[in-house]
Amino acid sequence: MVKKYLSMPLRIVGLILFLMGAGTMNVLGQLIVQPQLPLSGGIQRSQLWNLSVINNVGSDLTVNIQFTLTGQTSSTPQLVAESRTLRLYAGLNILTHRSVSPVRFLQVSPGFGSTTDPFALIPPGQYTGCYDFTVIRGDAREVVAEECVQFVVDPLSPAILVTPANHDSLDSGHPLFSWLPPGPSQGGAQLTYDLVIVKPLQGQSDDDAMQRNIPVLSLARHRNMQFQLPLSRTALETGTRYAWQVSVRSQGAIISKTEIWNFIIRPATQPARRAAVDGYFHDLQRNPPSNFAVCEEAIRFAYLHPTADSTIQVSLKDISSATPVDVKLDEETMTVQYGQNYLSIHPSSRLKLTSGKYYLLTVANLAGEIYFLKFSYLHKNN
């Protein structure tokens, strides 16, 4: 049969051979595409390329993938990107951003920020994402599969302020400011933080001061989740109320703001206090400390919970002698929430604590972190 084609013009022979190839490999309908987008929370650009593709053609294919993202309220594409040329093997293929890179961005709307960062967050909203698969055979290209998926990107929860606590009074005029990132976790997303501290006027609300007053401190695009006011800066004034807030940025744009908290730098003669809590709450340590805290009447401790689960494991040992002895607690689990927690364990008919003895409290969370509090117990009557 090939000899018969040789007597024809070369252009016609090429056309017949291409059609024969197309007839022996019917690709249309032979690719099954399933996007693997997160079920909830924020979505990064890189996650848009998480796909499972079943190639039922029976042989490998050379393909190119174009992704188009449009909003539910507009037909104008918000994002158009194209993968590199890649091979789809016969059977199941699991694709990720790494396997389709480098990705070329053909169109990006202004609200989507940088055109090159694969970890940029998709802004909150309702979207339709469409994947076009083009098979490449020599100079011939044919779109053989299109799969569209509708999804919603929920707004991130704001970051959570940790210290100084709201309405707290502090000894130092150079406080440590700390906060927790917005949830859920964004993996490789490059988030930065703006910290603003203002001094409200007499009778002025914290919200109004944050809007109108010149900041005492304005820290922009900070990459860490804590900031210590440097000793080289003038200390904050004693007896003065300050308000502070943290804004979260993604690709330079502010995506959320925390609540506004306030604190006061107390004069040296004023006793320290914790707002809305009864008694002093000791900070836990990641390693068993060498020194002892003093717990009066109850075991009170401050615990910063880093995950979304709601329980921690607690245990107690009497370490007054050379051989530690386990002390039975009423409950070996405690309920917590994401962020800062102020917790208490009170003596009971089952939990017997002896005044003057030494104890070691151990706290463990599901993230595998373990914290300790070494203390001496004191009864008020003693």
Protein backbone atom coordinates (compact mmCIF):
# COMPACT_ATOMS: atom_id res chain seq x y z
CA MET A 1 0.00 0.00 0.00
CA VAL A 2 2.90 2.35 0.70
CA LYS A 3 4.20 1.89 -2.88
CA LYS A 4 0.88 3.14 -4.25
CA TYR A 5 1.26 6.35 -2.25
CA LEU A 6 4.72 6.97 -3.68
CA SER A 7 3.26 7.71 -7.09
CA MET A 8 1.16 10.53 -5.65
CA PRO A 9 2.33 14.10 -4.97
CA LEU A 10 4.28 14.33 -1.71
CA ARG A 11 1.77 16.76 -0.10
CA ILE A 12 -1.13 14.32 -0.65
CA VAL A 13 0.91 11.40 0.71
CA GLY A 14 1.62 13.35 3.89
CA LEU A 15 -2.07 14.17 4.33
CA ILE A 16 -3.12 10.54 3.89
CA LEU A 17 -0.51 9.31 6.39
CA PHE A 18 -1.67 11.90 8.98
CA LEU A 19 -5.29 10.83 8.50
CA MET A 20 -4.28 7.19 8.87
CA GLY A 21 -2.54 8.06 12.13
CA ALA A 22 -5.59 9.92 13.35
CA GLY A 23 -7.78 7.00 12.46
CA THR A 24 -5.68 4.53 14.43
CA MET A 25 -5.54 6.79 17.52
CA ASN A 26 -8.93 8.29 18.35
CA VAL A 27 -7.99 10.50 21.32
CA LEU A 28 -11.30 12.33 21.67
CA GLY A 29 -13.08 11.07 24.74
CA GLN A 30 -10.11 8.91 25.74
CA LEU A 31 -8.75 11.25 28.42
CA ILE A 32 -10.46 11.37 31.82
CA VAL A 33 -9.46 14.48 33.74
CA GLN A 34 -10.18 15.00 37.44
CA PRO A 35 -8.97 18.22 39.16
CA GLN A 36 -7.81 17.68 42.78
CA LEU A 37 -8.50 21.04 44.42
CA PRO A 38 -8.56 21.57 48.20
CA LEU A 39 -11.97 21.06 49.79
CA SER A 40 -11.75 24.24 51.83
CA GLY A 41 -9.58 27.19 52.73
CA GLY A 42 -7.24 29.19 50.51
CA ILE A 43 -5.95 27.96 47.16
CA GLN A 44 -2.52 28.70 45.75
CA ARG A 45 -1.83 28.88 42.03
CA SER A 46 0.36 25.81 42.26
CA GLN A 47 -2.58 23.76 43.57
CA LEU A 48 -4.57 24.46 40.39
CA TRP A 49 -2.29 21.96 38.62
CA ASN A 50 -3.12 19.06 40.94
CA LEU A 51 -4.81 16.73 38.44
CA SER A 52 -5.39 13.04 37.94
CA VAL A 53 -5.53 12.14 34.23
CA ILE A 54 -6.37 8.68 32.88
CA ASN A 55 -5.03 8.09 29.37
CA ASN A 56 -7.18 5.36 27.77
CA VAL A 57 -5.68 5.71 24.31
CA GLY A 58 -3.34 2.78 24.88
CA SER A 59 -0.10 4.64 24.14
CA ASP A 60 1.77 7.66 25.44
CA LEU A 61 0.70 11.13 24.35
CA THR A 62 2.61 14.39 24.07
CA VAL A 63 0.35 17.14 25.37
CA ASN A 64 0.14 20.74 26.42
CA ILE A 65 -2.35 21.97 29.05
CA GLN A 66 -3.93 25.42 29.09
CA PHE A 67 -5.78 26.55 32.21
CA THR A 68 -8.33 29.38 32.15
CA LEU A 69 -9.86 30.82 35.30
CA THR A 70 -12.97 33.00 35.14
CA GLY A 71 -15.10 34.51 37.88
CA GLN A 72 -18.75 33.59 38.32
CA THR A 73 -19.81 37.20 37.73
CA SER A 74 -17.73 37.91 34.62
CA SER A 75 -16.81 36.07 31.43
CA THR A 76 -13.45 37.83 31.26
CA PRO A 77 -10.63 35.43 32.21
CA GLN A 78 -8.91 36.32 35.45
CA LEU A 79 -5.98 34.01 34.83
CA VAL A 80 -4.74 32.12 31.76
CA ALA A 81 -1.70 29.86 32.10
CA GLU A 82 -0.03 27.22 29.96
CA SER A 83 2.02 24.21 31.00
CA ARG A 84 5.18 23.01 29.39
CA THR A 85 4.92 20.21 26.82
CA LEU A 86 4.75 16.93 28.73
CA ARG A 87 4.13 13.25 28.21
CA LEU A 88 0.96 11.52 29.39
CA TYR A 89 1.68 7.85 29.87
CA ALA A 90 -0.92 5.20 29.13
CA GLY A 91 -3.05 4.68 32.25
CA LEU A 92 -3.16 6.89 35.33
CA ASN A 93 -1.08 10.08 35.53
CA ILE A 94 -0.86 12.19 38.69
CA LEU A 95 0.10 15.76 37.82
CA THR A 96 1.32 18.51 40.12
CA HIS A 97 2.76 21.96 39.63
CA ARG A 98 6.23 20.45 39.55
CA SER A 99 5.39 18.03 36.74
CA VAL A 100 3.90 20.75 34.49
CA SER A 101 6.52 23.45 35.20
CA PRO A 102 7.69 25.81 33.93
CA VAL A 103 4.25 27.35 33.70
CA ARG A 104 3.81 30.34 31.40
CA PHE A 105 1.23 32.95 32.41
CA LEU A 106 -0.53 34.32 29.34
CA GLN A 107 -2.95 36.62 31.11
CA VAL A 108 -3.30 37.78 34.72
CA SER A 109 -5.86 40.30 35.96
CA PRO A 110 -4.51 43.11 38.19
CA GLY A 111 -6.12 41.67 41.33
CA PHE A 112 -4.08 38.47 41.02
CA GLY A 113 -0.73 40.11 41.78
CA SER A 114 2.59 38.74 40.58
CA THR A 115 2.66 36.85 37.28
CA THR A 116 5.49 34.53 38.33
CA ASP A 117 4.94 33.35 41.91
CA PRO A 118 3.41 29.83 41.88
CA PHE A 119 2.45 30.13 45.55
CA ALA A 120 0.39 33.29 45.12
CA LEU A 121 -3.06 32.91 46.67
CA ILE A 122 -6.19 33.00 44.53
CA PRO A 123 -8.35 35.89 45.85
CA PRO A 124 -11.59 34.86 47.60
CA GLY A 125 -14.53 34.36 45.24
CA GLN A 126 -16.49 31.91 43.08
CA TYR A 127 -14.64 30.60 40.02
CA THR A 128 -14.82 28.29 37.03
CA GLY A 129 -11.51 26.71 36.03
CA CYS A 130 -11.18 24.98 32.63
CA TYR A 131 -8.37 22.68 31.48
CA ASP A 132 -7.78 22.25 27.72
CA PHE A 133 -5.55 19.32 26.72
CA THR A 134 -3.87 19.68 23.32
CA VAL A 135 -2.22 16.64 21.73
CA ILE A 136 0.93 17.44 19.75
CA ARG A 137 2.01 15.24 16.79
CA GLY A 138 4.82 16.91 14.91
CA ASP A 139 3.46 20.23 13.66
CA ALA A 140 -0.14 19.16 14.21
CA ARG A 141 -2.00 20.23 17.37
CA GLU A 142 -5.49 19.15 18.39
CA VAL A 143 -7.55 19.95 21.51
CA VAL A 144 -8.78 16.53 22.60
CA ALA A 145 -10.16 17.11 26.10
CA GLU A 146 -11.68 19.92 28.12
CA GLU A 147 -12.64 19.67 31.78
CA CYS A 148 -14.18 22.50 33.79
CA VAL A 149 -14.68 22.69 37.53
CA GLN A 150 -16.47 25.24 39.68
CA PHE A 151 -15.06 26.05 43.10
CA VAL A 152 -15.21 28.64 45.85
CA VAL A 153 -12.19 30.20 47.55
CA ASP A 154 -13.16 31.13 51.10
CA PRO A 155 -11.56 34.13 52.78
CA LEU A 156 -8.77 33.24 55.19
CA SER A 157 -9.47 33.71 58.85
CA PRO A 158 -7.50 36.68 60.17
CA ALA A 159 -4.27 36.26 62.07
CA ILE A 160 -4.66 35.93 65.84
CA LEU A 161 -2.89 38.26 68.26
CA VAL A 162 -1.10 36.52 71.11
CA THR A 163 1.04 38.89 73.17
CA PRO A 164 0.62 41.41 74.69
CA ALA A 165 -2.81 40.13 75.72
CA ASN A 166 -5.77 42.47 75.33
CA HIS A 167 -6.01 44.95 78.26
CA ASP A 168 -2.72 43.59 79.62
CA SER A 169 -0.26 45.62 81.70
CA LEU A 170 3.44 45.20 81.00
CA ASP A 171 6.66 45.82 82.90
CA SER A 172 8.89 46.46 79.90
CA GLY A 173 8.74 49.47 77.63
CA HIS A 174 10.20 47.29 74.86
CA PRO A 175 7.47 44.61 74.53
CA LEU A 176 7.53 41.45 72.47
CA PHE A 177 4.63 41.36 69.98
CA SER A 178 3.57 37.96 68.68
CA TRP A 179 0.69 36.53 66.66
CA LEU A 180 -0.48 33.36 64.91
CA PRO A 181 -0.84 33.13 61.10
CA PRO A 182 -4.21 33.10 59.35
CA GLY A 183 -5.87 29.72 58.98
CA PRO A 184 -6.00 27.28 57.46
CA SER A 185 -2.27 26.84 56.88
CA GLN A 186 -1.14 28.05 53.45
CA GLY A 187 1.96 25.90 53.01
CA GLY A 188 4.39 27.74 50.75
CA ALA A 189 2.33 30.90 50.47
CA GLN A 190 4.56 33.93 51.03
CA LEU A 191 2.65 35.91 53.65
CA THR A 192 4.04 39.06 55.24
CA TYR A 193 2.73 41.13 58.14
CA ASP A 194 2.27 44.82 58.91
CA LEU A 195 2.39 45.76 62.61
CA VAL A 196 0.94 49.11 63.65
CA ILE A 197 1.03 50.57 67.18
CA VAL A 198 -0.82 53.78 68.01
CA LYS A 199 -1.40 55.84 71.15
CA PRO A 200 -5.11 56.64 71.62
CA LEU A 201 -5.94 60.06 73.02
CA GLN A 202 -7.97 60.56 76.18
CA GLY A 203 -11.52 59.35 75.47
CA GLN A 204 -10.62 58.09 71.97
CA SER A 205 -11.52 54.52 70.98
CA ASP A 206 -8.87 52.08 69.78
CA ASP A 207 -10.59 51.76 66.38
CA ASP A 208 -10.65 55.51 65.84
CA ALA A 209 -7.03 55.86 66.95
CA MET A 210 -5.96 53.15 64.51
CA GLN A 211 -7.66 55.04 61.67
CA ARG A 212 -6.64 58.59 62.51
CA ASN A 213 -3.54 58.76 64.71
CA ILE A 214 0.05 58.81 63.56
CA PRO A 215 1.57 55.41 64.43
CA VAL A 216 4.10 55.16 67.24
CA LEU A 217 5.49 52.24 65.25
CA SER A 218 4.69 51.04 61.72
CA LEU A 219 6.41 47.84 60.64
CA ALA A 220 5.76 46.81 57.02
CA ARG A 221 6.11 43.44 55.26
CA HIS A 222 7.59 41.66 58.26
CA ARG A 223 8.16 37.95 57.54
CA ASN A 224 8.16 36.63 61.11
CA MET A 225 5.24 36.25 63.50
CA GLN A 226 6.87 38.15 66.32
CA PHE A 227 8.66 41.44 66.80
CA GLN A 228 10.60 42.75 69.77
CA LEU A 229 10.70 46.51 70.07
CA PRO A 230 14.47 47.15 69.81
CA LEU A 231 16.33 48.52 72.81
CA SER A 232 17.80 51.12 70.45
CA ARG A 233 14.33 52.67 70.15
CA THR A 234 12.78 54.92 72.78
CA ALA A 235 10.82 52.85 75.29
CA LEU A 236 7.04 53.10 75.32
CA GLU A 237 5.77 55.50 77.98
CA THR A 238 4.67 54.19 81.36
CA GLY A 239 1.07 54.74 82.36
CA THR A 240 0.08 55.14 78.70
CA ARG A 241 -2.44 53.03 76.77
CA TYR A 242 -1.38 51.70 73.38
CA ALA A 243 -3.39 49.92 70.69
CA TRP A 244 -1.95 47.48 68.16
CA GLN A 245 -3.07 45.56 65.08
CA VAL A 246 -1.52 43.22 62.51
CA SER A 247 -2.43 43.16 58.79
CA VAL A 248 -1.70 40.12 56.62
CA ARG A 249 -0.34 40.59 53.09
CA SER A 250 -0.17 38.18 50.16
CA GLN A 251 1.72 39.35 47.08
CA GLY A 252 1.87 42.81 48.60
CA ALA A 253 -1.91 43.17 48.96
CA ILE A 254 -3.58 43.23 52.39
CA ILE A 255 -5.93 40.22 52.63
CA SER A 256 -7.02 40.42 56.30
CA LYS A 257 -6.59 42.34 59.54
CA THR A 258 -6.63 41.20 63.15
CA GLU A 259 -8.69 42.62 65.96
CA ILE A 260 -7.31 45.72 67.67
CA TRP A 261 -5.93 45.01 71.14
CA ASN A 262 -4.61 47.42 73.73
CA PHE A 263 -2.14 47.31 76.60
CA ILE A 264 -0.54 49.65 79.09
CA ILE A 265 3.04 50.02 80.31
CA ARG A 266 2.54 50.10 84.06
CA PRO A 267 4.57 52.22 86.47
CA ALA A 268 7.13 50.30 88.52
CA THR A 269 5.00 50.53 91.67
CA GLN A 270 1.83 49.13 90.05
CA PRO A 271 1.25 45.36 90.48
CA ALA A 272 1.13 43.32 87.30
CA ARG A 273 -2.20 41.95 86.16
CA ARG A 274 -3.66 39.65 83.56
CA ALA A 275 -6.93 40.78 82.03
CA ALA A 276 -10.04 38.67 82.59
CA VAL A 277 -8.16 35.88 84.39
CA ASP A 278 -7.88 35.02 88.06
CA GLY A 279 -4.37 34.57 89.44
CA TYR A 280 -1.02 34.34 87.72
CA PHE A 281 -0.66 31.94 84.78
CA HIS A 282 2.79 30.44 84.31
CA ASP A 283 4.31 30.02 80.85
CA LEU A 284 5.12 26.46 79.78
CA GLN A 285 8.62 25.52 78.61
CA ARG A 286 9.64 23.22 75.73
CA ASN A 287 12.31 21.63 77.97
CA PRO A 288 12.02 20.83 81.69
CA PRO A 289 13.19 24.07 83.35
CA SER A 290 15.87 24.10 86.04
CA ASN A 291 14.01 26.60 88.23
CA PHE A 292 10.64 26.14 89.94
CA ALA A 293 7.50 28.23 89.66
CA VAL A 294 5.17 28.57 92.64
CA CYS A 295 1.54 27.51 92.20
CA GLU A 296 -0.81 28.63 94.94
CA GLU A 297 -4.14 26.79 95.42
CA ALA A 298 -4.30 25.70 91.74
CA ILE A 299 -2.01 24.85 88.85
CA ARG A 300 -2.47 27.75 86.43
CA PHE A 301 -0.63 27.86 83.11
CA ALA A 302 -0.75 29.73 79.81
CA TYR A 303 -0.67 27.53 76.71
CA LEU A 304 -0.45 28.58 73.05
CA HIS A 305 -2.25 25.94 70.94
CA PRO A 306 -0.91 25.80 67.35
CA THR A 307 -3.47 23.52 65.63
CA ALA A 308 -7.20 23.29 64.94
CA ASP A 309 -7.89 20.25 67.16
CA SER A 310 -9.43 20.88 70.56
CA THR A 311 -7.70 18.61 73.10
CA ILE A 312 -4.35 18.23 74.83
CA GLN A 313 -2.95 15.48 77.05
CA VAL A 314 -1.78 16.38 80.55
CA SER A 315 0.11 14.38 83.15
CA LEU A 316 1.65 15.15 86.55
CA LYS A 317 4.57 13.73 88.54
CA ASP A 318 5.70 14.28 92.10
CA ILE A 319 9.44 14.99 91.80
CA SER A 320 10.13 15.79 95.46
CA SER A 321 12.20 12.62 95.84
CA ALA A 322 14.85 10.96 93.70
CA THR A 323 12.23 8.66 92.15
CA PRO A 324 9.37 10.56 90.44
CA VAL A 325 5.88 9.32 91.29
CA ASP A 326 2.88 9.61 88.95
CA VAL A 327 0.04 11.73 90.34
CA LYS A 328 -3.47 10.84 89.19
CA LEU A 329 -5.41 13.74 87.66
CA ASP A 330 -9.19 13.97 87.52
CA GLU A 331 -8.94 14.28 83.74
CA GLU A 332 -5.97 13.43 81.54
CA THR A 333 -7.25 15.55 78.64
CA MET A 334 -8.19 19.22 78.57
CA THR A 335 -10.25 21.16 76.04
CA VAL A 336 -8.45 24.00 74.28
CA GLN A 337 -8.95 26.32 71.34
CA TYR A 338 -6.65 27.55 68.60
CA GLY A 339 -4.41 30.30 69.98
CA GLN A 340 -3.79 31.44 73.54
CA ASN A 341 -5.39 29.45 76.40
CA TYR A 342 -5.36 30.12 80.15
CA LEU A 343 -5.90 26.80 81.94
CA SER A 344 -6.25 25.69 85.57
CA ILE A 345 -6.08 22.37 87.39
CA HIS A 346 -7.60 22.46 90.88
CA PRO A 347 -7.04 19.97 93.72
CA SER A 348 -9.95 17.62 94.38
CA SER A 349 -10.88 14.55 96.38
CA ARG A 350 -8.90 12.54 93.82
CA LEU A 351 -6.09 14.97 93.07
CA LYS A 352 -4.12 15.47 96.27
CA LEU A 353 -1.38 18.09 96.19
CA THR A 354 0.87 18.56 99.19
CA SER A 355 2.01 22.03 100.14
CA GLY A 356 5.79 22.38 99.87
CA LYS A 357 6.27 19.48 97.45
CA TYR A 358 7.65 19.74 93.93
CA TYR A 359 5.82 18.65 90.79
CA LEU A 360 6.34 18.39 87.02
CA LEU A 361 3.37 19.03 84.71
CA THR A 362 3.64 17.72 81.14
CA VAL A 363 1.40 18.91 78.30
CA ALA A 364 1.35 17.21 74.89
CA ASN A 365 -0.61 18.09 71.75
CA LEU A 366 -1.45 16.15 68.58
CA ALA A 367 1.30 18.00 66.70
CA GLY A 368 3.82 16.07 68.82
CA GLU A 369 4.89 19.09 70.84
CA ILE A 370 5.58 18.60 74.56
CA TYR A 371 5.65 21.38 77.17
CA PHE A 372 6.61 21.40 80.84
CA LEU A 373 5.94 23.32 84.03
CA LYS A 374 8.06 22.56 87.09
CA PHE A 375 6.52 24.02 90.22
CA SER A 376 6.29 23.98 93.98
CA TYR A 377 2.75 23.77 95.35
CA LEU A 378 1.68 26.14 98.12
CA HIS A 379 -1.56 26.06 100.07
CA LYS A 380 -2.82 29.44 101.28
CA ASN A 381 -3.17 28.26 104.89
CA ASN A 382 0.50 27.33 105.01
